[in-house]
């Protein structure tokens, strides 16, 4: 039974993010909407989705919603960040929108 629990914990860790550590992960990575724009824009806004104990999930990390709520009319770029604490304890996935 103990071996099954250990395998389960490691398999959950593998499916949680881009580069995920078992104890802690804090990483940012790029994602582009239009690679032809060479500017970032004067506005930057962030929205996150949080998960606690694999039981509750809340928030919004939708680029369109973030832009609308922060009055960004033109999206020049979208970046992401991911935070993980003890794999199943707390996870956060954030979308960062750059634009005008």
PDB file of N, CA and C in Angstrom:
ATOM      1  N   UNK A   1       0.827  -1.201   0.000  1.00  0.00           N
ATOM      2  CA  UNK A   1       0.000   0.000   0.000  1.00  0.00           C
ATOM      3  C   UNK A   1       0.871   1.266   0.000  1.00  0.00           C
ATOM      4  N   UNK A   2       1.959   1.224   0.761  1.00  0.00           N
ATOM      5  CA  UNK A   2       2.859   2.375   0.837  1.00  0.00           C
ATOM      6  C   UNK A   2       3.490   2.667  -0.522  1.00  0.00           C
ATOM      7  N   UNK A   3       3.859   1.623  -1.263  1.00  0.00           N
ATOM      8  CA  UNK A   3       4.454   1.800  -2.589  1.00  0.00           C
ATOM      9  C   UNK A   3       3.450   2.419  -3.562  1.00  0.00           C
ATOM     10  N   UNK A   4       2.203   2.016  -3.463  1.00  0.00           N
ATOM     11  CA  UNK A   4       1.156   2.571  -4.338  1.00  0.00           C
ATOM     12  C   UNK A   4       0.970   4.064  -4.060  1.00  0.00           C
ATOM     13  N   UNK A   5       0.990   4.447  -2.798  1.00  0.00           N
ATOM     14  CA  UNK A   5       0.846   5.856  -2.423  1.00  0.00           C
ATOM     15  C   UNK A   5       2.014   6.686  -2.960  1.00  0.00           C
ATOM     16  N   UNK A   6       3.227   6.172  -2.848  1.00  0.00           N
ATOM     17  CA  UNK A   6       4.404   6.881  -3.361  1.00  0.00           C
ATOM     18  C   UNK A   6       4.324   7.027  -4.872  1.00  0.00           C
ATOM     19  N   UNK A   7       3.937   5.980  -5.584  1.00  0.00           N
ATOM     20  CA  UNK A   7       3.795   6.043  -7.039  1.00  0.00           C
ATOM     21  C   UNK A   7       2.714   7.045  -7.418  1.00  0.00           C
ATOM     22  N   UNK A   8       1.610   7.062  -6.693  1.00  0.00           N
ATOM     23  CA  UNK A   8       0.529   8.014  -6.961  1.00  0.00           C
ATOM     24  C   UNK A   8       1.001   9.449  -6.784  1.00  0.00           C
ATOM     25  N   UNK A   9       1.736   9.732  -5.711  1.00  0.00           N
ATOM     26  CA  UNK A   9       2.236  11.092  -5.473  1.00  0.00           C
ATOM     27  C   UNK A   9       3.187  11.543  -6.578  1.00  0.00           C
ATOM     28  N   UNK A  10       4.075  10.663  -7.016  1.00  0.00           N
ATOM     29  CA  UNK A  10       4.997  11.027  -8.086  1.00  0.00           C
ATOM     30  C   UNK A  10       4.278  11.190  -9.419  1.00  0.00           C
ATOM     31  N   UNK A  11       3.255  10.400  -9.674  1.00  0.00           N
ATOM     32  CA  UNK A  11       2.528  10.543 -10.938  1.00  0.00           C
ATOM     33  C   UNK A  11       1.711  11.824 -10.955  1.00  0.00           C
ATOM     34  N   UNK A  12       1.167  12.243  -9.823  1.00  0.00           N
ATOM     35  CA  UNK A  12       0.454  13.525  -9.761  1.00  0.00           C
ATOM     36  C   UNK A  12       1.413  14.671  -9.996  1.00  0.00           C
ATOM     37  N   UNK A  13       2.616  14.582  -9.489  1.00  0.00           N
ATOM     38  CA  UNK A  13       3.616  15.617  -9.665  1.00  0.00           C
ATOM     39  C   UNK A  13       3.998  15.777 -11.131  1.00  0.00           C
ATOM     40  N   UNK A  14       4.066  14.719 -11.882  1.00  0.00           N
ATOM     41  CA  UNK A  14       4.477  14.783 -13.283  1.00  0.00           C
ATOM     42  C   UNK A  14       3.451  15.488 -14.157  1.00  0.00           C
ATOM     43  N   UNK A  15       2.210  15.529 -13.739  1.00  0.00           N
ATOM     44  CA  UNK A  15       1.157  16.060 -14.601  1.00  0.00           C
ATOM     45  C   UNK A  15       0.728  17.467 -14.215  1.00  0.00           C
ATOM     46  N   UNK A  16       1.491  18.172 -13.386  1.00  0.00           N
ATOM     47  CA  UNK A  16       1.000  19.450 -12.881  1.00  0.00           C
ATOM     48  C   UNK A  16       1.552  20.695 -13.553  1.00  0.00           C
ATOM     49  N   UNK A  17       2.616  20.612 -14.321  1.00  0.00           N
ATOM     50  CA  UNK A  17       3.140  21.826 -14.916  1.00  0.00           C
ATOM     51  C   UNK A  17       4.322  21.573 -15.826  1.00  0.00           C
ATOM     52  N   UNK A  18       4.888  22.639 -16.371  1.00  0.00           N
ATOM     53  CA  UNK A  18       5.965  22.504 -17.351  1.00  0.00           C
ATOM     54  C   UNK A  18       7.240  21.892 -16.768  1.00  0.00           C
ATOM     55  N   UNK A  19       7.738  22.399 -15.674  1.00  0.00           N
ATOM     56  CA  UNK A  19       8.900  21.862 -14.969  1.00  0.00           C
ATOM     57  C   UNK A  19       8.526  21.830 -13.506  1.00  0.00           C
ATOM     58  N   UNK A  20       8.115  20.691 -13.043  1.00  0.00           N
ATOM     59  CA  UNK A  20       7.521  20.634 -11.724  1.00  0.00           C
ATOM     60  C   UNK A  20       8.405  19.887 -10.742  1.00  0.00           C
ATOM     61  N   UNK A  21       8.709  20.532  -9.611  1.00  0.00           N
ATOM     62  CA  UNK A  21       9.432  19.889  -8.529  1.00  0.00           C
ATOM     63  C   UNK A  21       8.446  19.321  -7.525  1.00  0.00           C
ATOM     64  N   UNK A  22       8.872  18.348  -6.769  1.00  0.00           N
ATOM     65  CA  UNK A  22       7.955  17.719  -5.817  1.00  0.00           C
ATOM     66  C   UNK A  22       7.668  18.621  -4.626  1.00  0.00           C
ATOM     67  N   UNK A  23       8.686  19.342  -4.120  1.00  0.00           N
ATOM     68  CA  UNK A  23       8.493  20.181  -2.941  1.00  0.00           C
ATOM     69  C   UNK A  23       8.042  21.585  -3.324  1.00  0.00           C
ATOM     70  N   UNK A  24       8.711  22.211  -4.297  1.00  0.00           N
ATOM     71  CA  UNK A  24       8.341  23.576  -4.697  1.00  0.00           C
ATOM     72  C   UNK A  24       8.710  23.810  -6.160  1.00  0.00           C
ATOM     73  N   UNK A  25       7.845  24.534  -6.865  1.00  0.00           N
ATOM     74  CA  UNK A  25       8.118  24.983  -8.227  1.00  0.00           C
ATOM     75  C   UNK A  25       7.671  26.429  -8.344  1.00  0.00           C
ATOM     76  N   UNK A  26       8.486  27.254  -8.944  1.00  0.00           N
ATOM     77  CA  UNK A  26       8.125  28.633  -9.259  1.00  0.00           C
ATOM     78  C   UNK A  26       8.765  28.968 -10.593  1.00  0.00           C
ATOM     79  N   UNK A  27       7.983  28.974 -11.657  1.00  0.00           N
ATOM     80  CA  UNK A  27       8.555  29.158 -12.993  1.00  0.00           C
ATOM     81  C   UNK A  27       7.675  30.063 -13.842  1.00  0.00           C
ATOM     82  N   UNK A  28       8.307  30.761 -14.775  1.00  0.00           N
ATOM     83  CA  UNK A  28       7.598  31.578 -15.760  1.00  0.00           C
ATOM     84  C   UNK A  28       8.006  31.107 -17.140  1.00  0.00           C
ATOM     85  N   UNK A  29       7.066  31.150 -18.071  1.00  0.00           N
ATOM     86  CA  UNK A  29       7.383  30.738 -19.439  1.00  0.00           C
ATOM     87  C   UNK A  29       6.551  31.545 -20.419  1.00  0.00           C
ATOM     88  N   UNK A  30       7.114  31.731 -21.591  1.00  0.00           N
ATOM     89  CA  UNK A  30       6.492  32.592 -22.599  1.00  0.00           C
ATOM     90  C   UNK A  30       5.453  31.832 -23.416  1.00  0.00           C
ATOM     91  N   UNK A  31       4.504  32.576 -23.886  1.00  0.00           N
ATOM     92  CA  UNK A  31       3.502  32.092 -24.820  1.00  0.00           C
ATOM     93  C   UNK A  31       3.114  33.273 -25.683  1.00  0.00           C
ATOM     94  N   UNK A  32       3.040  33.110 -26.977  1.00  0.00           N
ATOM     95  CA  UNK A  32       2.810  34.248 -27.864  1.00  0.00           C
ATOM     96  C   UNK A  32       1.472  34.143 -28.571  1.00  0.00           C
ATOM     97  N   UNK A  33       0.837  35.292 -28.781  1.00  0.00           N
ATOM     98  CA  UNK A  33      -0.359  35.362 -29.608  1.00  0.00           C
ATOM     99  C   UNK A  33       0.029  35.779 -31.012  1.00  0.00           C
ATOM    100  N   UNK A  34       0.811  36.845 -31.130  1.00  0.00           N
ATOM    101  CA  UNK A  34       1.234  37.345 -32.432  1.00  0.00           C
ATOM    102  C   UNK A  34       2.736  37.613 -32.397  1.00  0.00           C
ATOM    103  N   UNK A  35       3.548  36.724 -32.922  1.00  0.00           N
ATOM    104  CA  UNK A  35       5.000  36.885 -32.842  1.00  0.00           C
ATOM    105  C   UNK A  35       5.548  38.026 -33.700  1.00  0.00           C
ATOM    106  N   UNK A  36       4.723  38.651 -34.538  1.00  0.00           N
ATOM    107  CA  UNK A  36       5.200  39.713 -35.418  1.00  0.00           C
ATOM    108  C   UNK A  36       5.263  41.065 -34.727  1.00  0.00           C
ATOM    109  N   UNK A  37       4.610  41.200 -33.565  1.00  0.00           N
ATOM    110  CA  UNK A  37       4.710  42.444 -32.808  1.00  0.00           C
ATOM    111  C   UNK A  37       6.008  42.422 -32.028  1.00  0.00           C
ATOM    112  N   UNK A  38       6.788  43.499 -32.140  1.00  0.00           N
ATOM    113  CA  UNK A  38       8.048  43.584 -31.415  1.00  0.00           C
ATOM    114  C   UNK A  38       7.928  44.419 -30.153  1.00  0.00           C
ATOM    115  N   UNK A  39       6.725  44.838 -29.794  1.00  0.00           N
ATOM    116  CA  UNK A  39       6.570  45.648 -28.594  1.00  0.00           C
ATOM    117  C   UNK A  39       5.726  44.892 -27.575  1.00  0.00           C
ATOM    118  N   UNK A  40       5.897  45.260 -26.331  1.00  0.00           N
ATOM    119  CA  UNK A  40       5.177  44.598 -25.254  1.00  0.00           C
ATOM    120  C   UNK A  40       3.915  45.373 -24.890  1.00  0.00           C
ATOM    121  N   UNK A  41       3.933  46.672 -24.987  1.00  0.00           N
ATOM    122  CA  UNK A  41       2.789  47.495 -24.623  1.00  0.00           C
ATOM    123  C   UNK A  41       2.995  48.151 -23.272  1.00  0.00           C
ATOM    124  N   UNK A  42       2.176  49.149 -22.998  1.00  0.00           N
ATOM    125  CA  UNK A  42       2.331  49.902 -21.755  1.00  0.00           C
ATOM    126  C   UNK A  42       1.547  49.301 -20.597  1.00  0.00           C
ATOM    127  N   UNK A  43       0.640  48.371 -20.880  1.00  0.00           N
ATOM    128  CA  UNK A  43      -0.164  47.763 -19.823  1.00  0.00           C
ATOM    129  C   UNK A  43       0.221  46.297 -19.631  1.00  0.00           C
ATOM    130  N   UNK A  44       0.162  45.882 -18.381  1.00  0.00           N
ATOM    131  CA  UNK A  44       0.440  44.487 -18.038  1.00  0.00           C
ATOM    132  C   UNK A  44      -0.569  44.065 -16.980  1.00  0.00           C
ATOM    133  N   UNK A  45      -1.226  42.936 -17.184  1.00  0.00           N
ATOM    134  CA  UNK A  45      -2.220  42.459 -16.229  1.00  0.00           C
ATOM    135  C   UNK A  45      -2.063  40.953 -16.051  1.00  0.00           C
ATOM    136  N   UNK A  46      -2.460  40.472 -14.894  1.00  0.00           N
ATOM    137  CA  UNK A  46      -2.276  39.062 -14.565  1.00  0.00           C
ATOM    138  C   UNK A  46      -3.539  38.493 -13.938  1.00  0.00           C
ATOM    139  N   UNK A  47      -3.878  37.268 -14.306  1.00  0.00           N
ATOM    140  CA  UNK A  47      -4.992  36.549 -13.709  1.00  0.00           C
ATOM    141  C   UNK A  47      -4.548  35.131 -13.399  1.00  0.00           C
ATOM    142  N   UNK A  48      -5.005  34.604 -12.256  1.00  0.00           N
ATOM    143  CA  UNK A  48      -4.518  33.294 -11.811  1.00  0.00           C
ATOM    144  C   UNK A  48      -5.669  32.349 -11.461  1.00  0.00           C
ATOM    145  N   UNK A  49      -5.391  31.075 -11.639  1.00  0.00           N
ATOM    146  CA  UNK A  49      -6.266  30.005 -11.174  1.00  0.00           C
ATOM    147  C   UNK A  49      -5.509  29.272 -10.075  1.00  0.00           C
ATOM    148  N   UNK A  50      -6.155  29.074  -8.932  1.00  0.00           N
ATOM    149  CA  UNK A  50      -5.522  28.446  -7.772  1.00  0.00           C
ATOM    150  C   UNK A  50      -6.194  27.112  -7.464  1.00  0.00           C
ATOM    151  N   UNK A  51      -5.407  26.173  -6.993  1.00  0.00           N
ATOM    152  CA  UNK A  51      -5.952  24.873  -6.587  1.00  0.00           C
ATOM    153  C   UNK A  51      -5.359  24.519  -5.223  1.00  0.00           C
ATOM    154  N   UNK A  52      -6.232  24.109  -4.296  1.00  0.00           N
ATOM    155  CA  UNK A  52      -5.810  23.768  -2.942  1.00  0.00           C
ATOM    156  C   UNK A  52      -6.198  22.322  -2.641  1.00  0.00           C
ATOM    157  N   UNK A  53      -5.212  21.542  -2.226  1.00  0.00           N
ATOM    158  CA  UNK A  53      -5.388  20.144  -1.815  1.00  0.00           C
ATOM    159  C   UNK A  53      -6.103  19.277  -2.847  1.00  0.00           C
ATOM    160  N   UNK A  54      -5.988  19.611  -4.098  1.00  0.00           N
ATOM    161  CA  UNK A  54      -6.675  18.895  -5.178  1.00  0.00           C
ATOM    162  C   UNK A  54      -8.186  18.849  -4.974  1.00  0.00           C
ATOM    163  N   UNK A  55      -8.704  19.700  -4.077  1.00  0.00           N
ATOM    164  CA  UNK A  55     -10.132  19.685  -3.752  1.00  0.00           C
ATOM    165  C   UNK A  55     -10.872  20.902  -4.279  1.00  0.00           C
ATOM    166  N   UNK A  56     -10.264  22.073  -4.183  1.00  0.00           N
ATOM    167  CA  UNK A  56     -10.928  23.304  -4.588  1.00  0.00           C
ATOM    168  C   UNK A  56     -10.069  24.012  -5.640  1.00  0.00           C
ATOM    169  N   UNK A  57     -10.727  24.544  -6.632  1.00  0.00           N
ATOM    170  CA  UNK A  57     -10.048  25.321  -7.661  1.00  0.00           C
ATOM    171  C   UNK A  57     -10.864  26.582  -7.909  1.00  0.00           C
ATOM    172  N   UNK A  58     -10.186  27.727  -7.980  1.00  0.00           N
ATOM    173  CA  UNK A  58     -10.896  28.994  -8.197  1.00  0.00           C
ATOM    174  C   UNK A  58     -10.006  29.979  -8.921  1.00  0.00           C
ATOM    175  N   UNK A  59     -10.621  30.963  -9.541  1.00  0.00           N
ATOM    176  CA  UNK A  59      -9.899  32.012 -10.243  1.00  0.00           C
ATOM    177  C   UNK A  59     -10.106  31.940 -11.745  1.00  0.00           C
ATOM    178  N   UNK A  60      -9.473  32.857 -12.459  1.00  0.00           N
ATOM    179  CA  UNK A  60      -9.567  32.895 -13.907  1.00  0.00           C
ATOM    180  C   UNK A  60      -8.207  33.250 -14.491  1.00  0.00           C
ATOM    181  N   UNK A  61      -7.744  32.430 -15.427  1.00  0.00           N
ATOM    182  CA  UNK A  61      -6.472  32.707 -16.093  1.00  0.00           C
ATOM    183  C   UNK A  61      -6.675  32.815 -17.601  1.00  0.00           C
ATOM    184  N   UNK A  62      -7.844  33.286 -18.000  1.00  0.00           N
ATOM    185  CA  UNK A  62      -8.182  33.465 -19.408  1.00  0.00           C
ATOM    186  C   UNK A  62      -7.645  34.804 -19.910  1.00  0.00           C
ATOM    187  N   UNK A  63      -6.859  34.782 -20.983  1.00  0.00           N
ATOM    188  CA  UNK A  63      -6.254  36.011 -21.515  1.00  0.00           C
ATOM    189  C   UNK A  63      -7.318  37.031 -21.912  1.00  0.00           C
ATOM    190  N   UNK A  64      -8.402  36.590 -22.518  1.00  0.00           N
ATOM    191  CA  UNK A  64      -9.468  37.504 -22.935  1.00  0.00           C
ATOM    192  C   UNK A  64     -10.134  38.184 -21.756  1.00  0.00           C
ATOM    193  N   UNK A  65     -10.418  37.433 -20.710  1.00  0.00           N
ATOM    194  CA  UNK A  65     -11.046  38.000 -19.515  1.00  0.00           C
ATOM    195  C   UNK A  65     -10.114  38.984 -18.819  1.00  0.00           C
ATOM    196  N   UNK A  66      -8.842  38.632 -18.731  1.00  0.00           N
ATOM    197  CA  UNK A  66      -7.860  39.520 -18.103  1.00  0.00           C
ATOM    198  C   UNK A  66      -7.769  40.836 -18.872  1.00  0.00           C
ATOM    199  N   UNK A  67      -7.707  40.758 -20.199  1.00  0.00           N
ATOM    200  CA  UNK A  67      -7.639  41.961 -21.028  1.00  0.00           C
ATOM    201  C   UNK A  67      -8.887  42.818 -20.862  1.00  0.00           C
ATOM    202  N   UNK A  68     -10.046  42.202 -20.860  1.00  0.00           N
ATOM    203  CA  UNK A  68     -11.309  42.930 -20.724  1.00  0.00           C
ATOM    204  C   UNK A  68     -11.406  43.629 -19.366  1.00  0.00           C
ATOM    205  N   UNK A  69     -11.062  42.929 -18.296  1.00  0.00           N
ATOM    206  CA  UNK A  69     -11.146  43.500 -16.953  1.00  0.00           C
ATOM    207  C   UNK A  69     -10.151  44.639 -16.731  1.00  0.00           C
ATOM    208  N   UNK A  70      -9.045  44.640 -17.468  1.00  0.00           N
ATOM    209  CA  UNK A  70      -8.011  45.655 -17.289  1.00  0.00           C
ATOM    210  C   UNK A  70      -7.950  46.656 -18.434  1.00  0.00           C
ATOM    211  N   UNK A  71      -8.997  46.668 -19.257  1.00  0.00           N
ATOM    212  CA  UNK A  71      -9.147  47.622 -20.367  1.00  0.00           C
ATOM    213  C   UNK A  71      -7.956  47.587 -21.331  1.00  0.00           C
ATOM    214  N   UNK A  72      -7.493  46.378 -21.654  1.00  0.00           N
ATOM    215  CA  UNK A  72      -6.455  46.201 -22.666  1.00  0.00           C
ATOM    216  C   UNK A  72      -7.166  45.870 -23.973  1.00  0.00           C
ATOM    217  N   UNK A  73      -7.074  46.772 -24.959  1.00  0.00           N
ATOM    218  CA  UNK A  73      -7.784  46.578 -26.224  1.00  0.00           C
ATOM    219  C   UNK A  73      -6.981  45.778 -27.231  1.00  0.00           C
ATOM    220  N   UNK A  74      -5.655  45.909 -27.188  1.00  0.00           N
ATOM    221  CA  UNK A  74      -4.792  45.195 -28.129  1.00  0.00           C
ATOM    222  C   UNK A  74      -3.810  44.330 -27.340  1.00  0.00           C
ATOM    223  N   UNK A  75      -3.893  43.038 -27.503  1.00  0.00           N
ATOM    224  CA  UNK A  75      -2.992  42.115 -26.811  1.00  0.00           C
ATOM    225  C   UNK A  75      -1.767  41.896 -27.692  1.00  0.00           C
ATOM    226  N   UNK A  76      -0.585  42.236 -27.156  1.00  0.00           N
ATOM    227  CA  UNK A  76       0.663  42.055 -27.890  1.00  0.00           C
ATOM    228  C   UNK A  76       1.385  40.773 -27.508  1.00  0.00           C
ATOM    229  N   UNK A  77       1.166  40.292 -26.323  1.00  0.00           N
ATOM    230  CA  UNK A  77       1.847  39.076 -25.883  1.00  0.00           C
ATOM    231  C   UNK A  77       1.189  38.481 -24.656  1.00  0.00           C
ATOM    232  N   UNK A  78       1.375  37.201 -24.482  1.00  0.00           N
ATOM    233  CA  UNK A  78       0.833  36.489 -23.330  1.00  0.00           C
ATOM    234  C   UNK A  78       1.939  35.614 -22.754  1.00  0.00           C
ATOM    235  N   UNK A  79       2.203  35.750 -21.467  1.00  0.00           N
ATOM    236  CA  UNK A  79       3.167  34.919 -20.761  1.00  0.00           C
ATOM    237  C   UNK A  79       2.433  34.140 -19.677  1.00  0.00           C
ATOM    238  N   UNK A  80       3.104  33.167 -19.098  1.00  0.00           N
ATOM    239  CA  UNK A  80       2.483  32.323 -18.078  1.00  0.00           C
ATOM    240  C   UNK A  80       3.452  32.128 -16.918  1.00  0.00           C
ATOM    241  N   UNK A  81       2.906  31.830 -15.755  1.00  0.00           N
ATOM    242  CA  UNK A  81       3.732  31.445 -14.609  1.00  0.00           C
ATOM    243  C   UNK A  81       3.017  30.321 -13.863  1.00  0.00           C
ATOM    244  N   UNK A  82       3.804  29.531 -13.177  1.00  0.00           N
ATOM    245  CA  UNK A  82       3.272  28.367 -12.473  1.00  0.00           C
ATOM    246  C   UNK A  82       3.973  28.242 -11.126  1.00  0.00           C
ATOM    247  N   UNK A  83       3.187  28.057 -10.060  1.00  0.00           N
ATOM    248  CA  UNK A  83       3.724  27.858  -8.723  1.00  0.00           C
ATOM    249  C   UNK A  83       3.113  26.583  -8.156  1.00  0.00           C
ATOM    250  N   UNK A  84       3.954  25.799  -7.506  1.00  0.00           N
ATOM    251  CA  UNK A  84       3.528  24.520  -6.973  1.00  0.00           C
ATOM    252  C   UNK A  84       4.204  24.321  -5.614  1.00  0.00           C
ATOM    253  N   UNK A  85       3.422  23.985  -4.594  1.00  0.00           N
ATOM    254  CA  UNK A  85       3.974  23.702  -3.273  1.00  0.00           C
ATOM    255  C   UNK A  85       3.539  22.299  -2.860  1.00  0.00           C
ATOM    256  N   UNK A  86       4.499  21.432  -2.663  1.00  0.00           N
ATOM    257  CA  UNK A  86       4.262  20.037  -2.264  1.00  0.00           C
ATOM    258  C   UNK A  86       3.277  19.317  -3.178  1.00  0.00           C
ATOM    259  N   UNK A  87       3.327  19.593  -4.419  1.00  0.00           N
ATOM    260  CA  UNK A  87       2.544  18.906  -5.458  1.00  0.00           C
ATOM    261  C   UNK A  87       1.035  18.962  -5.252  1.00  0.00           C
ATOM    262  N   UNK A  88       0.535  18.435  -4.189  1.00  0.00           N
ATOM    263  CA  UNK A  88      -0.916  18.369  -3.998  1.00  0.00           C
ATOM    264  C   UNK A  88      -1.440  19.424  -3.027  1.00  0.00           C
ATOM    265  N   UNK A  89      -0.550  20.117  -2.319  1.00  0.00           N
ATOM    266  CA  UNK A  89      -0.978  21.095  -1.324  1.00  0.00           C
ATOM    267  C   UNK A  89      -1.528  22.365  -1.974  1.00  0.00           C
ATOM    268  N   UNK A  90      -0.743  22.984  -2.869  1.00  0.00           N
ATOM    269  CA  UNK A  90      -1.177  24.238  -3.497  1.00  0.00           C
ATOM    270  C   UNK A  90      -0.561  24.361  -4.889  1.00  0.00           C
ATOM    271  N   UNK A  91      -1.363  24.741  -5.875  1.00  0.00           N
ATOM    272  CA  UNK A  91      -0.904  25.016  -7.236  1.00  0.00           C
ATOM    273  C   UNK A  91      -1.527  26.332  -7.697  1.00  0.00           C
ATOM    274  N   UNK A  92      -0.762  27.075  -8.499  1.00  0.00           N
ATOM    275  CA  UNK A  92      -1.267  28.320  -9.067  1.00  0.00           C
ATOM    276  C   UNK A  92      -0.770  28.432 -10.506  1.00  0.00           C
ATOM    277  N   UNK A  93      -1.685  28.679 -11.435  1.00  0.00           N
ATOM    278  CA  UNK A  93      -1.342  28.882 -12.842  1.00  0.00           C
ATOM    279  C   UNK A  93      -1.804  30.286 -13.224  1.00  0.00           C
ATOM    280  N   UNK A  94      -0.866  31.129 -13.663  1.00  0.00           N
ATOM    281  CA  UNK A  94      -1.193  32.521 -13.972  1.00  0.00           C
ATOM    282  C   UNK A  94      -0.923  32.838 -15.447  1.00  0.00           C
ATOM    283  N   UNK A  95      -1.763  33.693 -16.002  1.00  0.00           N
ATOM    284  CA  UNK A  95      -1.586  34.207 -17.353  1.00  0.00           C
ATOM    285  C   UNK A  95      -1.307  35.695 -17.245  1.00  0.00           C
ATOM    286  N   UNK A  96      -0.249  36.152 -17.915  1.00  0.00           N
ATOM    287  CA  UNK A  96       0.165  37.552 -17.892  1.00  0.00           C
ATOM    288  C   UNK A  96      -0.031  38.126 -19.287  1.00  0.00           C
ATOM    289  N   UNK A  97      -0.854  39.175 -19.390  1.00  0.00           N
ATOM    290  CA  UNK A  97      -1.206  39.767 -20.684  1.00  0.00           C
ATOM    291  C   UNK A  97      -0.503  41.115 -20.815  1.00  0.00           C
ATOM    292  N   UNK A  98       0.156  41.334 -21.967  1.00  0.00           N
ATOM    293  CA  UNK A  98       0.824  42.592 -22.272  1.00  0.00           C
ATOM    294  C   UNK A  98       0.086  43.238 -23.442  1.00  0.00           C
ATOM    295  N   UNK A  99      -0.136  44.557 -23.377  1.00  0.00           N
ATOM    296  CA  UNK A  99      -0.823  45.223 -24.482  1.00  0.00           C
ATOM    297  C   UNK A  99      -1.070  46.687 -24.233  1.00  0.00           C
ATOM    298  N   UNK A 100      -1.975  47.229 -25.025  1.00  0.00           N
ATOM    299  CA  UNK A 100      -2.375  48.637 -24.951  1.00  0.00           C
ATOM    300  C   UNK A 100      -3.854  48.711 -24.651  1.00  0.00           C
TER     301      UNK A 100
END
